[in-house]
Amino acid sequence: MRQSETRTLRNREVNTRLKTLFKKAVGASDAETTAMVEGAFDKAASKGVIHPNQAARKKSRLTKAIVRAAAAPAKPVKAKATKSTRKTAKK
């Protein structure tokens, strides 16, 4: 296997992991998870998987998303429509 192919596979795995961590951190909204994700971005940048500016941009967007999620009120849960309400709505 060529060296470039090995690196491509490893980089793809790391990028996928970073995306997953980002989504989980936005959902969790706690400082410990955020710090862990920011460390993962820094490590990926130091290894050359992503550009350092991209790591900084992602960390900034993560912080903004967490602040936005903390400030936003909880979404109300919508009641699920039953068959009888669907029939009356169509008429």
PDB file of N, CA and C in Angstrom:
ATOM      1  N   MET A   1       0.843  -1.169   0.000  1.00  0.00           N
ATOM      2  CA  MET A   1       0.000   0.000   0.000  1.00  0.00           C
ATOM      3  C   MET A   1       0.895   1.241   0.000  1.00  0.00           C
ATOM      4  N   ARG A   2       0.537   2.196  -0.821  1.00  0.00           N
ATOM      5  CA  ARG A   2       1.343   3.412  -0.923  1.00  0.00           C
ATOM      6  C   ARG A   2       1.179   4.265   0.333  1.00  0.00           C
ATOM      7  N   GLN A   3       2.218   5.028   0.623  1.00  0.00           N
ATOM      8  CA  GLN A   3       2.208   5.866   1.819  1.00  0.00           C
ATOM      9  C   GLN A   3       1.074   6.888   1.765  1.00  0.00           C
ATOM     10  N   SER A   4       0.816   7.430   0.588  1.00  0.00           N
ATOM     11  CA  SER A   4      -0.247   8.421   0.449  1.00  0.00           C
ATOM     12  C   SER A   4      -1.615   7.802   0.733  1.00  0.00           C
ATOM     13  N   GLU A   5      -1.805   6.560   0.330  1.00  0.00           N
ATOM     14  CA  GLU A   5      -3.073   5.883   0.596  1.00  0.00           C
ATOM     15  C   GLU A   5      -3.266   5.648   2.090  1.00  0.00           C
ATOM     16  N   THR A   6      -2.201   5.262   2.769  1.00  0.00           N
ATOM     17  CA  THR A   6      -2.270   5.049   4.219  1.00  0.00           C
ATOM     18  C   THR A   6      -2.616   6.342   4.928  1.00  0.00           C
ATOM     19  N   ARG A   7      -1.959   7.418   4.515  1.00  0.00           N
ATOM     20  CA  ARG A   7      -2.224   8.722   5.140  1.00  0.00           C
ATOM     21  C   ARG A   7      -3.638   9.201   4.844  1.00  0.00           C
ATOM     22  N   THR A   8      -4.107   8.959   3.630  1.00  0.00           N
ATOM     23  CA  THR A   8      -5.462   9.362   3.268  1.00  0.00           C
ATOM     24  C   THR A   8      -6.485   8.665   4.154  1.00  0.00           C
ATOM     25  N   LEU A   9      -6.290   7.363   4.363  1.00  0.00           N
ATOM     26  CA  LEU A   9      -7.212   6.614   5.220  1.00  0.00           C
ATOM     27  C   LEU A   9      -7.189   7.140   6.653  1.00  0.00           C
ATOM     28  N   ARG A  10      -5.973   7.363   7.171  1.00  0.00           N
ATOM     29  CA  ARG A  10      -5.852   7.864   8.542  1.00  0.00           C
ATOM     30  C   ARG A  10      -6.478   9.250   8.674  1.00  0.00           C
ATOM     31  N   ASN A  11      -6.218  10.126   7.706  1.00  0.00           N
ATOM     32  CA  ASN A  11      -6.772  11.479   7.755  1.00  0.00           C
ATOM     33  C   ASN A  11      -8.292  11.461   7.672  1.00  0.00           C
ATOM     34  N   ARG A  12      -8.834  10.557   6.849  1.00  0.00           N
ATOM     35  CA  ARG A  12     -10.283  10.458   6.734  1.00  0.00           C
ATOM     36  C   ARG A  12     -10.899  10.034   8.062  1.00  0.00           C
ATOM     37  N   GLU A  13     -10.269   9.081   8.727  1.00  0.00           N
ATOM     38  CA  GLU A  13     -10.762   8.630  10.030  1.00  0.00           C
ATOM     39  C   GLU A  13     -10.726   9.758  11.052  1.00  0.00           C
ATOM     40  N   VAL A  14      -9.639  10.511  11.048  1.00  0.00           N
ATOM     41  CA  VAL A  14      -9.508  11.615  12.003  1.00  0.00           C
ATOM     42  C   VAL A  14     -10.552  12.681  11.716  1.00  0.00           C
ATOM     43  N   ASN A  15     -10.744  13.024  10.447  1.00  0.00           N
ATOM     44  CA  ASN A  15     -11.739  14.042  10.089  1.00  0.00           C
ATOM     45  C   ASN A  15     -13.146  13.611  10.480  1.00  0.00           C
ATOM     46  N   THR A  16     -13.462  12.358  10.272  1.00  0.00           N
ATOM     47  CA  THR A  16     -14.772  11.844  10.657  1.00  0.00           C
ATOM     48  C   THR A  16     -14.948  11.932  12.163  1.00  0.00           C
ATOM     49  N   ARG A  17     -13.901  11.558  12.889  1.00  0.00           N
ATOM     50  CA  ARG A  17     -13.942  11.622  14.355  1.00  0.00           C
ATOM     51  C   ARG A  17     -14.124  13.058  14.837  1.00  0.00           C
ATOM     52  N   LEU A  18     -13.450  14.011  14.194  1.00  0.00           N
ATOM     53  CA  LEU A  18     -13.578  15.413  14.584  1.00  0.00           C
ATOM     54  C   LEU A  18     -15.002  15.922  14.372  1.00  0.00           C
ATOM     55  N   LYS A  19     -15.615  15.533  13.269  1.00  0.00           N
ATOM     56  CA  LYS A  19     -16.999  15.951  13.003  1.00  0.00           C
ATOM     57  C   LYS A  19     -17.938  15.405  14.067  1.00  0.00           C
ATOM     58  N   THR A  20     -17.752  14.142  14.425  1.00  0.00           N
ATOM     59  CA  THR A  20     -18.599  13.517  15.440  1.00  0.00           C
ATOM     60  C   THR A  20     -18.405  14.186  16.792  1.00  0.00           C
ATOM     61  N   LEU A  21     -17.157  14.438  17.156  1.00  0.00           N
ATOM     62  CA  LEU A  21     -16.871  15.097  18.432  1.00  0.00           C
ATOM     63  C   LEU A  21     -17.489  16.488  18.480  1.00  0.00           C
ATOM     64  N   PHE A  22     -17.407  17.206  17.358  1.00  0.00           N
ATOM     65  CA  PHE A  22     -17.981  18.551  17.290  1.00  0.00           C
ATOM     66  C   PHE A  22     -19.477  18.512  17.575  1.00  0.00           C
ATOM     67  N   LYS A  23     -20.182  17.597  16.922  1.00  0.00           N
ATOM     68  CA  LYS A  23     -21.633  17.490  17.105  1.00  0.00           C
ATOM     69  C   LYS A  23     -21.984  17.110  18.533  1.00  0.00           C
ATOM     70  N   LYS A  24     -21.226  16.177  19.119  1.00  0.00           N
ATOM     71  CA  LYS A  24     -21.494  15.764  20.489  1.00  0.00           C
ATOM     72  C   LYS A  24     -21.227  16.890  21.472  1.00  0.00           C
ATOM     73  N   ALA A  25     -20.197  17.683  21.234  1.00  0.00           N
ATOM     74  CA  ALA A  25     -19.860  18.782  22.125  1.00  0.00           C
ATOM     75  C   ALA A  25     -20.930  19.859  22.092  1.00  0.00           C
ATOM     76  N   VAL A  26     -21.477  20.132  20.923  1.00  0.00           N
ATOM     77  CA  VAL A  26     -22.548  21.130  20.817  1.00  0.00           C
ATOM     78  C   VAL A  26     -23.776  20.648  21.578  1.00  0.00           C
ATOM     79  N   GLY A  27     -24.052  19.354  21.497  1.00  0.00           N
ATOM     80  CA  GLY A  27     -25.190  18.795  22.211  1.00  0.00           C
ATOM     81  C   GLY A  27     -24.977  18.741  23.711  1.00  0.00           C
ATOM     82  N   ALA A  28     -23.754  18.474  24.139  1.00  0.00           N
ATOM     83  CA  ALA A  28     -23.468  18.323  25.563  1.00  0.00           C
ATOM     84  C   ALA A  28     -23.384  19.675  26.267  1.00  0.00           C
ATOM     85  N   SER A  29     -22.743  20.636  25.658  1.00  0.00           N
ATOM     86  CA  SER A  29     -22.602  21.991  26.188  1.00  0.00           C
ATOM     87  C   SER A  29     -21.971  22.036  27.575  1.00  0.00           C
ATOM     88  N   ASP A  30     -20.955  21.231  27.831  1.00  0.00           N
ATOM     89  CA  ASP A  30     -20.239  21.348  29.100  1.00  0.00           C
ATOM     90  C   ASP A  30     -18.765  21.630  28.823  1.00  0.00           C
ATOM     91  N   ALA A  31     -18.097  22.219  29.802  1.00  0.00           N
ATOM     92  CA  ALA A  31     -16.724  22.690  29.621  1.00  0.00           C
ATOM     93  C   ALA A  31     -15.744  21.541  29.402  1.00  0.00           C
ATOM     94  N   GLU A  32     -15.962  20.421  30.064  1.00  0.00           N
ATOM     95  CA  GLU A  32     -15.031  19.299  29.945  1.00  0.00           C
ATOM     96  C   GLU A  32     -15.019  18.735  28.525  1.00  0.00           C
ATOM     97  N   THR A  33     -16.204  18.554  27.967  1.00  0.00           N
ATOM     98  CA  THR A  33     -16.307  18.034  26.600  1.00  0.00           C
ATOM     99  C   THR A  33     -15.722  19.031  25.606  1.00  0.00           C
ATOM    100  N   THR A  34     -16.002  20.297  25.815  1.00  0.00           N
ATOM    101  CA  THR A  34     -15.485  21.334  24.928  1.00  0.00           C
ATOM    102  C   THR A  34     -13.964  21.345  24.922  1.00  0.00           C
ATOM    103  N   ALA A  35     -13.367  21.248  26.100  1.00  0.00           N
ATOM    104  CA  ALA A  35     -11.910  21.244  26.195  1.00  0.00           C
ATOM    105  C   ALA A  35     -11.315  20.026  25.487  1.00  0.00           C
ATOM    106  N   MET A  36     -11.972  18.886  25.623  1.00  0.00           N
ATOM    107  CA  MET A  36     -11.490  17.667  24.988  1.00  0.00           C
ATOM    108  C   MET A  36     -11.551  17.791  23.461  1.00  0.00           C
ATOM    109  N   VAL A  37     -12.630  18.370  22.952  1.00  0.00           N
ATOM    110  CA  VAL A  37     -12.790  18.531  21.508  1.00  0.00           C
ATOM    111  C   VAL A  37     -11.782  19.544  20.967  1.00  0.00           C
ATOM    112  N   GLU A  38     -11.582  20.637  21.687  1.00  0.00           N
ATOM    113  CA  GLU A  38     -10.598  21.626  21.251  1.00  0.00           C
ATOM    114  C   GLU A  38      -9.200  21.005  21.216  1.00  0.00           C
ATOM    115  N   GLY A  39      -8.901  20.153  22.183  1.00  0.00           N
ATOM    116  CA  GLY A  39      -7.618  19.452  22.186  1.00  0.00           C
ATOM    117  C   GLY A  39      -7.472  18.532  20.989  1.00  0.00           C
ATOM    118  N   ALA A  40      -8.574  17.886  20.604  1.00  0.00           N
ATOM    119  CA  ALA A  40      -8.544  17.001  19.442  1.00  0.00           C
ATOM    120  C   ALA A  40      -8.278  17.796  18.162  1.00  0.00           C
ATOM    121  N   PHE A  41      -8.869  18.992  18.061  1.00  0.00           N
ATOM    122  CA  PHE A  41      -8.611  19.846  16.894  1.00  0.00           C
ATOM    123  C   PHE A  41      -7.154  20.294  16.868  1.00  0.00           C
ATOM    124  N   ASP A  42      -6.624  20.668  18.032  1.00  0.00           N
ATOM    125  CA  ASP A  42      -5.220  21.084  18.103  1.00  0.00           C
ATOM    126  C   ASP A  42      -4.282  19.946  17.720  1.00  0.00           C
ATOM    127  N   LYS A  43      -4.589  18.752  18.195  1.00  0.00           N
ATOM    128  CA  LYS A  43      -3.746  17.603  17.886  1.00  0.00           C
ATOM    129  C   LYS A  43      -3.773  17.295  16.389  1.00  0.00           C
ATOM    130  N   ALA A  44      -4.955  17.357  15.793  1.00  0.00           N
ATOM    131  CA  ALA A  44      -5.072  17.103  14.356  1.00  0.00           C
ATOM    132  C   ALA A  44      -4.287  18.148  13.566  1.00  0.00           C
ATOM    133  N   ALA A  45      -4.306  19.391  14.044  1.00  0.00           N
ATOM    134  CA  ALA A  45      -3.551  20.448  13.360  1.00  0.00           C
ATOM    135  C   ALA A  45      -2.052  20.225  13.513  1.00  0.00           C
ATOM    136  N   SER A  46      -1.624  19.790  14.695  1.00  0.00           N
ATOM    137  CA  SER A  46      -0.187  19.576  14.902  1.00  0.00           C
ATOM    138  C   SER A  46       0.328  18.382  14.102  1.00  0.00           C
ATOM    139  N   LYS A  47      -0.537  17.400  13.852  1.00  0.00           N
ATOM    140  CA  LYS A  47      -0.148  16.227  13.067  1.00  0.00           C
ATOM    141  C   LYS A  47      -0.235  16.479  11.567  1.00  0.00           C
ATOM    142  N   GLY A  48      -0.823  17.607  11.177  1.00  0.00           N
ATOM    143  CA  GLY A  48      -0.913  17.929   9.766  1.00  0.00           C
ATOM    144  C   GLY A  48      -2.154  17.376   9.085  1.00  0.00           C
ATOM    145  N   VAL A  49      -3.101  16.875   9.875  1.00  0.00           N
ATOM    146  CA  VAL A  49      -4.330  16.347   9.275  1.00  0.00           C
ATOM    147  C   VAL A  49      -5.193  17.490   8.777  1.00  0.00           C
ATOM    148  N   ILE A  50      -5.292  18.557   9.563  1.00  0.00           N
ATOM    149  CA  ILE A  50      -6.021  19.749   9.145  1.00  0.00           C
ATOM    150  C   ILE A  50      -5.094  20.949   9.303  1.00  0.00           C
ATOM    151  N   HIS A  51      -5.429  22.027   8.641  1.00  0.00           N
ATOM    152  CA  HIS A  51      -4.633  23.247   8.714  1.00  0.00           C
ATOM    153  C   HIS A  51      -4.851  23.910  10.075  1.00  0.00           C
ATOM    154  N   PRO A  52      -3.828  24.533  10.646  1.00  0.00           N
ATOM    155  CA  PRO A  52      -3.995  25.193  11.954  1.00  0.00           C
ATOM    156  C   PRO A  52      -5.093  26.252  11.967  1.00  0.00           C
ATOM    157  N   ASN A  53      -5.246  26.968  10.853  1.00  0.00           N
ATOM    158  CA  ASN A  53      -6.317  27.972  10.788  1.00  0.00           C
ATOM    159  C   ASN A  53      -7.692  27.310  10.807  1.00  0.00           C
ATOM    160  N   GLN A  54      -7.800  26.135  10.192  1.00  0.00           N
ATOM    161  CA  GLN A  54      -9.069  25.415  10.211  1.00  0.00           C
ATOM    162  C   GLN A  54      -9.392  24.973  11.631  1.00  0.00           C
ATOM    163  N   ALA A  55      -8.382  24.525  12.363  1.00  0.00           N
ATOM    164  CA  ALA A  55      -8.594  24.122  13.752  1.00  0.00           C
ATOM    165  C   ALA A  55      -9.075  25.312  14.582  1.00  0.00           C
ATOM    166  N   ALA A  56      -8.455  26.467  14.387  1.00  0.00           N
ATOM    167  CA  ALA A  56      -8.855  27.675  15.117  1.00  0.00           C
ATOM    168  C   ALA A  56     -10.280  28.074  14.760  1.00  0.00           C
ATOM    169  N   ARG A  57     -10.618  27.973  13.482  1.00  0.00           N
ATOM    170  CA  ARG A  57     -11.966  28.336  13.029  1.00  0.00           C
ATOM    171  C   ARG A  57     -13.016  27.400  13.623  1.00  0.00           C
ATOM    172  N   LYS A  58     -12.719  26.095  13.634  1.00  0.00           N
ATOM    173  CA  LYS A  58     -13.655  25.122  14.189  1.00  0.00           C
ATOM    174  C   LYS A  58     -13.843  25.337  15.689  1.00  0.00           C
ATOM    175  N   LYS A  59     -12.751  25.633  16.397  1.00  0.00           N
ATOM    176  CA  LYS A  59     -12.841  25.874  17.840  1.00  0.00           C
ATOM    177  C   LYS A  59     -13.681  27.119  18.117  1.00  0.00           C
ATOM    178  N   SER A  60     -13.508  28.140  17.301  1.00  0.00           N
ATOM    179  CA  SER A  60     -14.289  29.362  17.458  1.00  0.00           C
ATOM    180  C   SER A  60     -15.773  29.098  17.211  1.00  0.00           C
ATOM    181  N   ARG A  61     -16.066  28.344  16.169  1.00  0.00           N
ATOM    182  CA  ARG A  61     -17.460  28.027  15.846  1.00  0.00           C
ATOM    183  C   ARG A  61     -18.087  27.138  16.920  1.00  0.00           C
ATOM    184  N   LEU A  62     -17.280  26.259  17.490  1.00  0.00           N
ATOM    185  CA  LEU A  62     -17.774  25.411  18.576  1.00  0.00           C
ATOM    186  C   LEU A  62     -18.171  26.263  19.774  1.00  0.00           C
ATOM    187  N   THR A  63     -17.320  27.199  20.143  1.00  0.00           N
ATOM    188  CA  THR A  63     -17.617  28.078  21.272  1.00  0.00           C
ATOM    189  C   THR A  63     -18.882  28.883  21.012  1.00  0.00           C
ATOM    190  N   LYS A  64     -19.007  29.420  19.810  1.00  0.00           N
ATOM    191  CA  LYS A  64     -20.203  30.194  19.463  1.00  0.00           C
ATOM    192  C   LYS A  64     -21.460  29.331  19.522  1.00  0.00           C
ATOM    193  N   ALA A  65     -21.361  28.099  19.034  1.00  0.00           N
ATOM    194  CA  ALA A  65     -22.520  27.206  19.025  1.00  0.00           C
ATOM    195  C   ALA A  65     -22.941  26.841  20.439  1.00  0.00           C
ATOM    196  N   ILE A  66     -21.983  26.636  21.322  1.00  0.00           N
ATOM    197  CA  ILE A  66     -22.301  26.284  22.705  1.00  0.00           C
ATOM    198  C   ILE A  66     -22.947  27.463  23.422  1.00  0.00           C
ATOM    199  N   VAL A  67     -22.427  28.666  23.192  1.00  0.00           N
ATOM    200  CA  VAL A  67     -23.020  29.861  23.798  1.00  0.00           C
ATOM    201  C   VAL A  67     -24.441  30.058  23.288  1.00  0.00           C
ATOM    202  N   ARG A  68     -24.631  29.850  21.988  1.00  0.00           N
ATOM    203  CA  ARG A  68     -25.960  30.008  21.381  1.00  0.00           C
ATOM    204  C   ARG A  68     -26.934  28.965  21.934  1.00  0.00           C
ATOM    205  N   ALA A  69     -26.455  27.737  22.101  1.00  0.00           N
ATOM    206  CA  ALA A  69     -27.314  26.673  22.625  1.00  0.00           C
ATOM    207  C   ALA A  69     -27.678  26.923  24.084  1.00  0.00           C
ATOM    208  N   ALA A  70     -26.754  27.478  24.849  1.00  0.00           N
ATOM    209  CA  ALA A  70     -27.024  27.751  26.251  1.00  0.00           C
ATOM    210  C   ALA A  70     -28.008  28.909  26.411  1.00  0.00           C
ATOM    211  N   ALA A  71     -27.950  29.885  25.508  1.00  0.00           N
ATOM    212  CA  ALA A  71     -28.823  31.048  25.593  1.00  0.00           C
ATOM    213  C   ALA A  71     -30.225  30.774  25.062  1.00  0.00           C
ATOM    214  N   ALA A  72     -30.343  29.830  24.139  1.00  0.00           N
ATOM    215  CA  ALA A  72     -31.633  29.548  23.508  1.00  0.00           C
ATOM    216  C   ALA A  72     -32.535  28.792  24.480  1.00  0.00           C
ATOM    217  N   PRO A  73     -33.825  29.147  24.511  1.00  0.00           N
ATOM    218  CA  PRO A  73     -34.749  28.384  25.355  1.00  0.00           C
ATOM    219  C   PRO A  73     -34.973  26.992  24.784  1.00  0.00           C
ATOM    220  N   ALA A  74     -35.351  26.084  25.630  1.00  0.00           N
ATOM    221  CA  ALA A  74     -35.599  24.711  25.192  1.00  0.00           C
ATOM    222  C   ALA A  74     -36.779  24.685  24.228  1.00  0.00           C
ATOM    223  N   LYS A  75     -36.669  23.888  23.192  1.00  0.00           N
ATOM    224  CA  LYS A  75     -37.740  23.782  22.208  1.00  0.00           C
ATOM    225  C   LYS A  75     -38.895  22.984  22.813  1.00  0.00           C
ATOM    226  N   PRO A  76     -40.136  23.463  22.619  1.00  0.00           N
ATOM    227  CA  PRO A  76     -41.267  22.681  23.134  1.00  0.00           C
ATOM    228  C   PRO A  76     -41.476  21.423  22.301  1.00  0.00           C
ATOM    229  N   VAL A  77     -41.898  20.381  22.954  1.00  0.00           N
ATOM    230  CA  VAL A  77     -42.138  19.115  22.268  1.00  0.00           C
ATOM    231  C   VAL A  77     -43.518  19.179  21.632  1.00  0.00           C
ATOM    232  N   LYS A  78     -43.573  18.913  20.334  1.00  0.00           N
ATOM    233  CA  LYS A  78     -44.849  18.953  19.628  1.00  0.00           C
ATOM    234  C   LYS A  78     -45.593  17.645  19.851  1.00  0.00           C
ATOM    235  N   ALA A  79     -46.912  17.771  19.988  1.00  0.00           N
ATOM    236  CA  ALA A  79     -47.738  16.573  20.149  1.00  0.00           C
ATOM    237  C   ALA A  79     -47.834  15.863  18.806  1.00  0.00           C
ATOM    238  N   LYS A  80     -47.740  14.566  18.847  1.00  0.00           N
ATOM    239  CA  LYS A  80     -47.813  13.777  17.625  1.00  0.00           C
ATOM    240  C   LYS A  80     -49.266  13.688  17.173  1.00  0.00           C
ATOM    241  N   ALA A  81     -49.503  13.888  15.889  1.00  0.00           N
ATOM    242  CA  ALA A  81     -50.854  13.846  15.345  1.00  0.00           C
ATOM    243  C   ALA A  81     -51.366  12.404  15.317  1.00  0.00           C
ATOM    244  N   THR A  82     -52.597  12.245  15.751  1.00  0.00           N
ATOM    245  CA  THR A  82     -53.208  10.924  15.709  1.00  0.00           C
ATOM    246  C   THR A  82     -53.988  10.779  14.413  1.00  0.00           C
ATOM    247  N   LYS A  83     -54.461   9.578  14.152  1.00  0.00           N
ATOM    248  CA  LYS A  83     -55.204   9.333  12.913  1.00  0.00           C
ATOM    249  C   LYS A  83     -56.476  10.169  12.866  1.00  0.00           C
ATOM    250  N   SER A  84     -57.161  10.311  13.979  1.00  0.00           N
ATOM    251  CA  SER A  84     -58.412  11.059  13.975  1.00  0.00           C
ATOM    252  C   SER A  84     -58.171  12.535  13.701  1.00  0.00           C
ATOM    253  N   THR A  85     -57.087  13.094  14.207  1.00  0.00           N
ATOM    254  CA  THR A  85     -56.817  14.505  13.943  1.00  0.00           C
ATOM    255  C   THR A  85     -56.358  14.728  12.513  1.00  0.00           C
ATOM    256  N   ARG A  86     -55.697  13.740  11.934  1.00  0.00           N
ATOM    257  CA  ARG A  86     -55.267  13.860  10.534  1.00  0.00           C
ATOM    258  C   ARG A  86     -56.489  13.868   9.618  1.00  0.00           C
ATOM    259  N   LYS A  87     -57.480  13.018   9.912  1.00  0.00           N
ATOM    260  CA  LYS A  87     -58.674  12.951   9.063  1.00  0.00           C
ATOM    261  C   LYS A  87     -59.460  14.258   9.113  1.00  0.00           C
ATOM    262  N   THR A  88     -59.566  14.850  10.289  1.00  0.00           N
ATOM    263  CA  THR A  88     -60.315  16.105  10.401  1.00  0.00           C
ATOM    264  C   THR A  88     -59.550  17.250   9.763  1.00  0.00           C
ATOM    265  N   ALA A  89     -58.250  17.197   9.780  1.00  0.00           N
ATOM    266  CA  ALA A  89     -57.449  18.253   9.190  1.00  0.00           C
ATOM    267  C   ALA A  89     -57.554  18.251   7.666  1.00  0.00           C
ATOM    268  N   LYS A  90     -57.737  17.071   7.069  1.00  0.00           N
ATOM    269  CA  LYS A  90     -57.819  16.974   5.612  1.00  0.00           C
ATOM    270  C   LYS A  90     -59.153  17.497   5.074  1.00  0.00           C
ATOM    271  N   LYS A  91     -60.196  17.392   5.858  1.00  0.00           N
ATOM    272  CA  LYS A  91     -61.533  17.797   5.392  1.00  0.00           C
ATOM    273  C   LYS A  91     -61.718  19.270   5.384  1.00  0.00           C
TER     274      LYS A  91
END
